[in-house]
């Protein structure tokens, strides 16, 4: 059995690596052309374009791993079936259950590799890519409205709510265009802080530069102005919003790990903000590595097809179509689940569960009737 395991694992792993390398080469070329177009407008060099395109590769590999596993497994098993190698293995005692168990172990290994890439390598590379583009473009813009955060605090007159808006980030990674609005328990605006830039440390202390503070006192005398305006060249504002929470709100979602998505989703829920989108993304990221196990099971029936049922190229083409269908269904399920209000883990697990049932049904039919 060690010889059979070594034969299957080596053949399938080499095929998966070849397919992944082919896809990554294509995506690198596309990203490099896009970066060259941006370099022509921003004045960046070719070396920076190559580095930016290379930093996108771990993210592409994470997204492509299930498809690469599916196509690589189909190619390897179909080739072995066409050359009668798999038939010899079946004659030598490799039954359907044992074959499924061997490939399941390989699928778990691919799933662990996918998890490591998606939770460690890809987020780090994506953050470096964001910082590289921010340095070259003078900062990172966060759309027309920027990023919004919310915080609640207990005060002597009731619970105060703080709404914080960040317009973008500077070239050095500092926050830019900070606005902080404080509301009392009655929803009345009592203070507003505006700062050109600032930083947040791990303890939640916001160090604001060139801050403008406006206060609207509830009780005031006739000679007291309606609005009290002050300016501070440096202001330290204490908050429960730590640097990791702010980074989760400011940086693209591709830079977040599974744990960071969970923490940020829990933070949004605690602050009574909409977190359904982040919950679905968390479950999709948590369950996505298991898609490799599903793809291995989906590829196994191809080993039981007779050689006359189609050549290797036709079966590989079928694998590509199945991979594209899985990607489309995986993306569609997240959007439909968000619109229809489905339970997040059900929306995230539905594509993999559907393909797993399809693979087991096809495998059982081929083993029993073919």
Protein backbone atom coordinates (compact mmCIF):
# COMPACT_ATOMS: atom_id res chain seq x y z
CA UNK A 1 0.00 0.00 0.00
CA UNK A 2 2.94 2.37 0.57
CA UNK A 3 3.95 1.91 -3.07
CA UNK A 4 0.40 2.68 -4.26
CA UNK A 5 0.19 5.70 -2.00
CA UNK A 6 3.55 6.99 -3.20
CA UNK A 7 2.55 6.48 -6.85
CA UNK A 8 -0.79 8.26 -6.51
CA UNK A 9 0.44 11.10 -4.34
CA UNK A 10 3.52 11.85 -6.46
CA UNK A 11 1.59 11.75 -9.75
CA UNK A 12 -1.32 13.86 -8.53
CA UNK A 13 0.88 16.38 -6.66
CA UNK A 14 3.05 16.98 -9.72
CA UNK A 15 -0.04 17.46 -11.89
CA UNK A 16 -1.60 19.90 -9.40
CA UNK A 17 1.67 21.85 -9.17
CA UNK A 18 1.89 22.07 -12.97
CA UNK A 19 -1.71 23.32 -13.27
CA UNK A 20 -1.21 25.87 -10.48
CA UNK A 21 2.01 27.11 -12.10
CA UNK A 22 0.27 27.51 -15.46
CA UNK A 23 -2.58 29.51 -13.92
CA UNK A 24 -0.21 31.67 -11.87
CA UNK A 25 1.88 32.46 -14.94
CA UNK A 26 -1.25 33.64 -16.75
CA UNK A 27 -2.42 35.77 -13.84
CA UNK A 28 1.06 37.21 -13.32
CA UNK A 29 1.16 38.34 -16.95
CA UNK A 30 -2.29 39.95 -16.66
CA UNK A 31 -1.39 41.72 -13.40
CA UNK A 32 1.96 42.84 -14.81
CA UNK A 33 0.26 44.44 -17.82
CA UNK A 34 -2.20 46.21 -15.51
CA UNK A 35 0.63 47.45 -13.31
CA UNK A 36 2.53 48.72 -16.35
CA UNK A 37 -0.55 50.71 -17.32
CA UNK A 38 -0.67 52.22 -13.82
CA UNK A 39 3.09 52.83 -13.93
CA UNK A 40 2.63 54.93 -17.04
CA UNK A 41 0.27 57.23 -15.14
CA UNK A 42 2.09 57.36 -11.80
CA UNK A 43 5.68 57.25 -13.04
CA UNK A 44 6.58 53.99 -11.34
CA UNK A 45 9.36 51.80 -12.71
CA UNK A 46 9.17 48.37 -14.28
CA UNK A 47 10.73 46.80 -11.17
CA UNK A 48 7.91 48.15 -9.01
CA UNK A 49 5.35 46.76 -11.45
CA UNK A 50 7.00 43.33 -11.30
CA UNK A 51 7.05 43.42 -7.48
CA UNK A 52 3.41 44.51 -7.28
CA UNK A 53 2.35 41.72 -9.65
CA UNK A 54 4.42 39.16 -7.70
CA UNK A 55 2.76 40.19 -4.42
CA UNK A 56 -0.62 39.33 -5.92
CA UNK A 57 0.42 35.73 -6.64
CA UNK A 58 -0.24 34.25 -3.15
CA UNK A 59 -3.80 35.57 -3.25
CA UNK A 60 -4.32 34.10 -6.71
CA UNK A 61 -2.86 30.77 -5.58
CA UNK A 62 -5.25 30.67 -2.62
CA UNK A 63 -8.25 31.27 -4.90
CA UNK A 64 -7.05 28.81 -7.55
CA UNK A 65 -6.04 25.91 -5.28
CA UNK A 66 -9.38 24.03 -5.44
CA UNK A 67 -9.52 24.40 -9.24
CA UNK A 68 -5.89 23.33 -9.58
CA UNK A 69 -6.55 20.32 -7.35
CA UNK A 70 -9.60 19.36 -9.41
CA UNK A 71 -7.91 19.68 -12.81
CA UNK A 72 -4.67 18.10 -11.62
CA UNK A 73 -6.49 15.12 -10.08
CA UNK A 74 -8.68 14.63 -13.16
CA UNK A 75 -5.67 14.75 -15.47
CA UNK A 76 -3.64 12.33 -13.36
CA UNK A 77 -6.45 9.82 -12.75
CA UNK A 78 -7.68 9.98 -16.35
CA UNK A 79 -4.19 9.37 -17.68
CA UNK A 80 -3.76 6.42 -15.31
CA UNK A 81 -7.14 5.02 -16.39
CA UNK A 82 -6.32 5.44 -20.08
CA UNK A 83 -2.98 3.64 -19.69
CA UNK A 84 -4.68 0.89 -17.62
CA UNK A 85 -2.52 1.72 -14.57
CA UNK A 86 -5.59 2.35 -12.43
CA UNK A 87 -7.16 -0.86 -13.69
CA UNK A 88 -4.07 -2.78 -12.55
CA UNK A 89 -4.26 -1.09 -9.16
CA UNK A 90 -7.92 -2.12 -8.86
CA UNK A 91 -7.05 -5.67 -9.79
CA UNK A 92 -4.31 -5.62 -7.16
CA UNK A 93 -6.80 -4.83 -4.40
CA UNK A 94 -7.38 -1.07 -4.58
CA UNK A 95 -11.10 -1.05 -3.92
CA UNK A 96 -13.37 2.02 -4.20
CA UNK A 97 -13.41 2.65 -0.45
CA UNK A 98 -9.66 2.41 -0.14
CA UNK A 99 -9.13 4.65 -3.19
CA UNK A 100 -11.50 7.23 -1.71
CA UNK A 101 -9.65 7.04 1.63
CA UNK A 102 -6.24 7.52 -0.01
CA UNK A 103 -7.40 10.53 -1.98
CA UNK A 104 -9.21 11.95 1.07
CA UNK A 105 -5.89 12.06 2.94
CA UNK A 106 -4.32 13.85 -0.01
CA UNK A 107 -7.28 16.26 -0.08
CA UNK A 108 -6.75 17.05 3.60
CA UNK A 109 -3.09 17.85 2.88
CA UNK A 110 -4.11 20.17 0.06
CA UNK A 111 -6.68 21.78 2.39
CA UNK A 112 -4.01 22.43 5.04
CA UNK A 113 -1.75 23.96 2.39
CA UNK A 114 -4.62 26.17 1.20
CA UNK A 115 -5.36 27.27 4.76
CA UNK A 116 -1.70 28.16 5.36
CA UNK A 117 -1.55 30.19 2.15
CA UNK A 118 -4.86 31.94 2.79
CA UNK A 119 -4.25 32.78 6.46
CA UNK A 120 -0.54 33.57 6.51
CA UNK A 121 1.11 34.08 3.12
CA UNK A 122 -1.65 35.79 1.12
CA UNK A 123 -2.72 38.39 3.77
CA UNK A 124 0.91 39.38 4.39
CA UNK A 125 1.58 39.72 0.64
CA UNK A 126 -1.65 41.69 0.11
CA UNK A 127 -0.73 44.13 2.88
CA UNK A 128 2.70 44.65 1.36
CA UNK A 129 1.05 45.28 -2.00
CA UNK A 130 -1.32 47.84 -0.45
CA UNK A 131 1.59 49.63 1.28
CA UNK A 132 3.59 49.61 -1.95
CA UNK A 133 0.76 51.20 -3.91
CA UNK A 134 0.07 53.66 -1.08
CA UNK A 135 3.71 54.82 -1.08
CA UNK A 136 3.73 55.26 -4.84
CA UNK A 137 0.38 57.04 -5.05
CA UNK A 138 0.82 59.16 -1.91
CA UNK A 139 -1.77 57.31 0.15
CA UNK A 140 -4.76 55.00 0.02
CA UNK A 141 -8.20 56.44 -0.71
CA UNK A 142 -11.19 54.69 0.85
CA UNK A 143 -13.87 55.62 -1.65
CA UNK A 144 -16.19 58.58 -1.51
CA UNK A 145 -17.37 58.12 2.08
CA UNK A 146 -14.22 56.60 3.63
CA UNK A 147 -14.31 53.99 6.39
CA UNK A 148 -16.73 54.33 9.32
CA UNK A 149 -16.27 52.90 12.81
CA UNK A 150 -18.53 53.05 15.83
CA UNK A 151 -17.94 52.94 19.57
CA UNK A 152 -20.14 53.17 22.67
CA UNK A 153 -19.06 54.37 26.12
CA UNK A 154 -20.72 54.79 29.48
CA UNK A 155 -20.88 58.39 30.75
CA UNK A 156 -22.42 60.05 33.83
CA UNK A 157 -25.40 61.27 31.78
CA UNK A 158 -25.90 57.97 29.92
CA UNK A 159 -24.37 56.06 27.05
CA UNK A 160 -22.42 58.12 24.53
CA UNK A 161 -21.93 57.00 20.94
CA UNK A 162 -18.89 57.86 18.83
CA UNK A 163 -18.90 57.68 15.03
CA UNK A 164 -15.41 57.81 13.51
CA UNK A 165 -14.73 58.45 9.84
CA UNK A 166 -11.36 57.88 8.17
CA UNK A 167 -10.98 59.27 4.65
CA UNK A 168 -7.83 57.31 3.77
CA UNK A 169 -4.24 56.59 4.69
CA UNK A 170 -1.05 58.50 4.05
CA UNK A 171 2.05 57.31 2.24
CA UNK A 172 3.62 56.29 5.56
CA UNK A 173 0.64 54.23 6.71
CA UNK A 174 -0.85 56.90 9.00
CA UNK A 175 -4.59 57.62 8.97
CA UNK A 176 -5.66 60.71 7.02
CA UNK A 177 -8.79 62.84 7.19
CA UNK A 178 -10.05 61.76 10.63
CA UNK A 179 -13.43 62.94 11.90
CA UNK A 180 -14.89 61.92 15.26
CA UNK A 181 -18.52 62.69 16.17
CA UNK A 182 -19.74 62.26 19.75
CA UNK A 183 -23.46 61.90 20.53
CA UNK A 184 -25.09 61.79 23.95
CA UNK A 185 -27.76 59.37 25.15
CA UNK A 186 -30.48 61.45 23.45
CA UNK A 187 -28.68 61.33 20.09
CA UNK A 188 -27.60 64.97 20.35
CA UNK A 189 -24.25 65.97 18.85
CA UNK A 190 -22.05 67.20 21.69
CA UNK A 191 -18.55 67.23 20.15
CA UNK A 192 -16.71 66.91 16.86
CA UNK A 193 -12.99 66.33 16.38
CA UNK A 194 -11.27 66.77 13.03
CA UNK A 195 -7.62 65.96 12.41
CA UNK A 196 -5.46 66.00 9.31
CA UNK A 197 -3.77 62.73 10.25
CA UNK A 198 -3.16 60.40 13.17
CA UNK A 199 -2.05 56.99 14.33
CA UNK A 200 -3.53 54.29 16.56
CA UNK A 201 -1.48 52.12 18.89
CA UNK A 202 -2.24 48.61 20.14
CA UNK A 203 -3.87 49.98 23.32
CA UNK A 204 -6.42 52.09 21.44
CA UNK A 205 -4.77 55.49 21.94
CA UNK A 206 -5.33 57.74 18.92
CA UNK A 207 -2.58 60.31 18.47
CA UNK A 208 -4.08 63.08 16.33
CA UNK A 209 -2.08 65.80 14.63
CA UNK A 210 -3.43 69.33 14.02
CA UNK A 211 -6.80 68.56 15.67
CA UNK A 212 -9.78 70.92 15.61
CA UNK A 213 -12.32 70.39 18.41
CA UNK A 214 -15.90 71.76 18.41
CA UNK A 215 -18.17 71.31 21.44
CA UNK A 216 -21.84 72.10 21.87
CA UNK A 217 -22.49 72.45 25.63
CA UNK A 218 -25.94 71.47 26.85
CA UNK A 219 -26.08 74.12 29.59
CA UNK A 220 -24.64 77.51 28.73
CA UNK A 221 -24.96 81.09 29.99
CA UNK A 222 -25.92 84.11 27.92
CA UNK A 223 -22.31 85.25 27.54
CA UNK A 224 -21.09 81.75 26.62
CA UNK A 225 -20.81 81.00 22.89
CA UNK A 226 -23.07 78.38 21.37
CA UNK A 227 -20.06 76.47 20.00
CA UNK A 228 -16.71 76.15 21.76
CA UNK A 229 -13.85 75.86 19.26
CA UNK A 230 -10.32 74.82 20.21
CA UNK A 231 -7.25 73.62 18.35
CA UNK A 232 -4.56 71.18 19.44
CA UNK A 233 -1.34 70.54 17.58
CA UNK A 234 -1.23 67.08 19.17
CA UNK A 235 -4.18 65.36 20.81
CA UNK A 236 -4.31 61.92 22.42
CA UNK A 237 -7.81 60.45 22.26
CA UNK A 238 -8.41 57.24 24.22
CA UNK A 239 -10.64 54.65 22.60
CA UNK A 240 -11.45 50.94 22.67
CA UNK A 241 -10.83 50.81 18.90
CA UNK A 242 -7.38 49.26 18.68
CA UNK A 243 -5.00 49.31 15.74
CA UNK A 244 -6.11 45.84 14.60
CA UNK A 245 -9.78 46.87 14.54
CA UNK A 246 -9.01 50.04 12.61
CA UNK A 247 -6.84 48.11 10.16
CA UNK A 248 -9.70 45.67 9.56
CA UNK A 249 -11.96 48.59 8.63
CA UNK A 250 -9.41 50.48 6.53
CA UNK A 251 -7.52 47.75 4.67
CA UNK A 252 -9.07 45.62 1.88
CA UNK A 253 -10.80 42.45 3.02
CA UNK A 254 -8.23 40.32 1.16
CA UNK A 255 -5.63 41.37 3.74
CA UNK A 256 -7.59 39.92 6.69
CA UNK A 257 -7.03 36.48 8.16
CA UNK A 258 -9.84 34.21 9.32
CA UNK A 259 -9.35 35.26 12.96
CA UNK A 260 -9.31 38.96 12.05
CA UNK A 261 -12.54 38.59 10.08
CA UNK A 262 -14.14 36.90 13.08
CA UNK A 263 -13.00 39.61 15.51
CA UNK A 264 -14.09 42.44 13.24
CA UNK A 265 -17.45 40.78 12.61
CA UNK A 266 -17.94 40.40 16.38
CA UNK A 267 -16.99 44.07 16.86
CA UNK A 268 -19.60 45.17 14.32
CA UNK A 269 -22.20 43.04 16.06
CA UNK A 270 -21.33 44.50 19.47
CA UNK A 271 -21.70 48.02 18.07
CA UNK A 272 -25.06 47.16 16.46
CA UNK A 273 -23.68 47.58 12.95
CA UNK A 274 -24.50 45.40 9.96
CA UNK A 275 -22.07 42.47 9.98
CA UNK A 276 -23.82 39.92 7.73
CA UNK A 277 -21.35 40.52 4.89
CA UNK A 278 -18.34 39.98 7.14
CA UNK A 279 -19.91 36.88 8.71
CA UNK A 280 -20.40 35.33 5.27
CA UNK A 281 -16.84 36.22 4.32
CA UNK A 282 -15.58 34.66 7.55
CA UNK A 283 -17.39 31.39 6.92
CA UNK A 284 -16.32 31.35 3.27
CA UNK A 285 -12.70 31.80 4.28
CA UNK A 286 -12.98 29.22 7.06
CA UNK A 287 -14.62 26.59 4.84
CA UNK A 288 -12.81 27.36 1.58
CA UNK A 289 -9.83 25.02 2.25
CA UNK A 290 -12.27 22.12 2.57
CA UNK A 291 -13.14 22.67 -1.09
CA UNK A 292 -9.88 20.89 -1.93
CA UNK A 293 -11.25 17.76 -0.27
CA UNK A 294 -14.46 18.13 -2.27
CA UNK A 295 -12.51 18.53 -5.52
CA UNK A 296 -10.50 15.37 -4.87
CA UNK A 297 -13.75 13.45 -4.35
CA UNK A 298 -15.20 15.03 -7.50
CA UNK A 299 -12.18 13.93 -9.56
CA UNK A 300 -12.19 10.31 -8.40
CA UNK A 301 -15.11 9.17 -10.63
CA UNK A 302 -13.01 10.08 -13.69
CA UNK A 303 -10.68 7.20 -12.80
CA UNK A 304 -13.56 4.74 -13.24
CA UNK A 305 -14.59 5.99 -16.68
CA UNK A 306 -13.62 3.70 -19.53
CA UNK A 307 -11.00 4.99 -21.93
CA UNK A 308 -13.63 5.03 -24.70
CA UNK A 309 -15.69 7.49 -22.64
CA UNK A 310 -13.40 10.26 -23.83
CA UNK A 311 -9.75 11.19 -24.03
CA UNK A 312 -7.72 12.87 -21.32
CA UNK A 313 -8.10 16.29 -22.94
CA UNK A 314 -11.91 15.98 -22.97
CA UNK A 315 -11.95 15.00 -19.31
CA UNK A 316 -9.62 17.86 -18.40
CA UNK A 317 -11.94 20.23 -20.26
CA UNK A 318 -14.82 18.85 -18.21
CA UNK A 319 -12.79 19.47 -15.06
CA UNK A 320 -12.19 23.07 -16.09
CA UNK A 321 -15.93 23.56 -16.63
CA UNK A 322 -16.66 22.04 -13.22
CA UNK A 323 -14.07 24.33 -11.61
CA UNK A 324 -15.56 27.41 -13.26
CA UNK A 325 -19.03 26.31 -12.16
CA UNK A 326 -17.80 25.93 -8.57
CA UNK A 327 -16.22 29.42 -8.55
CA UNK A 328 -19.37 31.00 -10.00
CA UNK A 329 -21.63 29.18 -7.54
CA UNK A 330 -19.34 30.03 -4.63
CA UNK A 331 -19.45 33.76 -5.47
CA UNK A 332 -23.16 33.70 -6.27
CA UNK A 333 -24.07 31.94 -3.02
CA UNK A 334 -22.42 34.67 -0.96
CA UNK A 335 -24.29 37.48 -2.72
CA UNK A 336 -27.62 35.65 -2.73
CA UNK A 337 -27.20 34.70 0.92
CA UNK A 338 -26.56 38.35 1.79
CA UNK A 339 -29.60 39.55 -0.16
CA UNK A 340 -31.93 36.83 1.10
CA UNK A 341 -30.71 36.89 4.70
CA UNK A 342 -29.54 33.26 4.80
CA UNK A 343 -27.62 31.89 7.76
CA UNK A 344 -23.97 32.83 7.00
CA UNK A 345 -22.46 29.36 7.39
CA UNK A 346 -25.16 27.80 5.21
CA UNK A 347 -24.54 30.34 2.43
CA UNK A 348 -20.79 29.67 2.64
CA UNK A 349 -21.05 25.86 2.80
CA UNK A 350 -23.75 25.36 0.16
CA UNK A 351 -21.46 25.22 -2.96
CA UNK A 352 -19.03 22.74 -1.40
CA UNK A 353 -21.86 20.64 0.00
CA UNK A 354 -23.63 20.53 -3.37
CA UNK A 355 -20.47 19.51 -5.25
CA UNK A 356 -19.64 16.91 -2.60
CA UNK A 357 -23.05 15.27 -3.02
CA UNK A 358 -22.62 15.34 -6.79
CA UNK A 359 -19.20 13.69 -6.56
CA UNK A 360 -20.35 10.95 -4.16
CA UNK A 361 -23.43 10.25 -6.29
CA UNK A 362 -21.34 9.99 -9.47
CA UNK A 363 -18.76 7.85 -7.68
CA UNK A 364 -21.39 5.46 -6.33
CA UNK A 365 -23.12 5.15 -9.71
CA UNK A 366 -19.89 4.44 -11.60
CA UNK A 367 -18.66 1.89 -9.06
CA UNK A 368 -21.99 0.06 -8.98
CA UNK A 369 -23.09 0.13 -12.61
CA UNK A 370 -19.90 0.64 -14.64
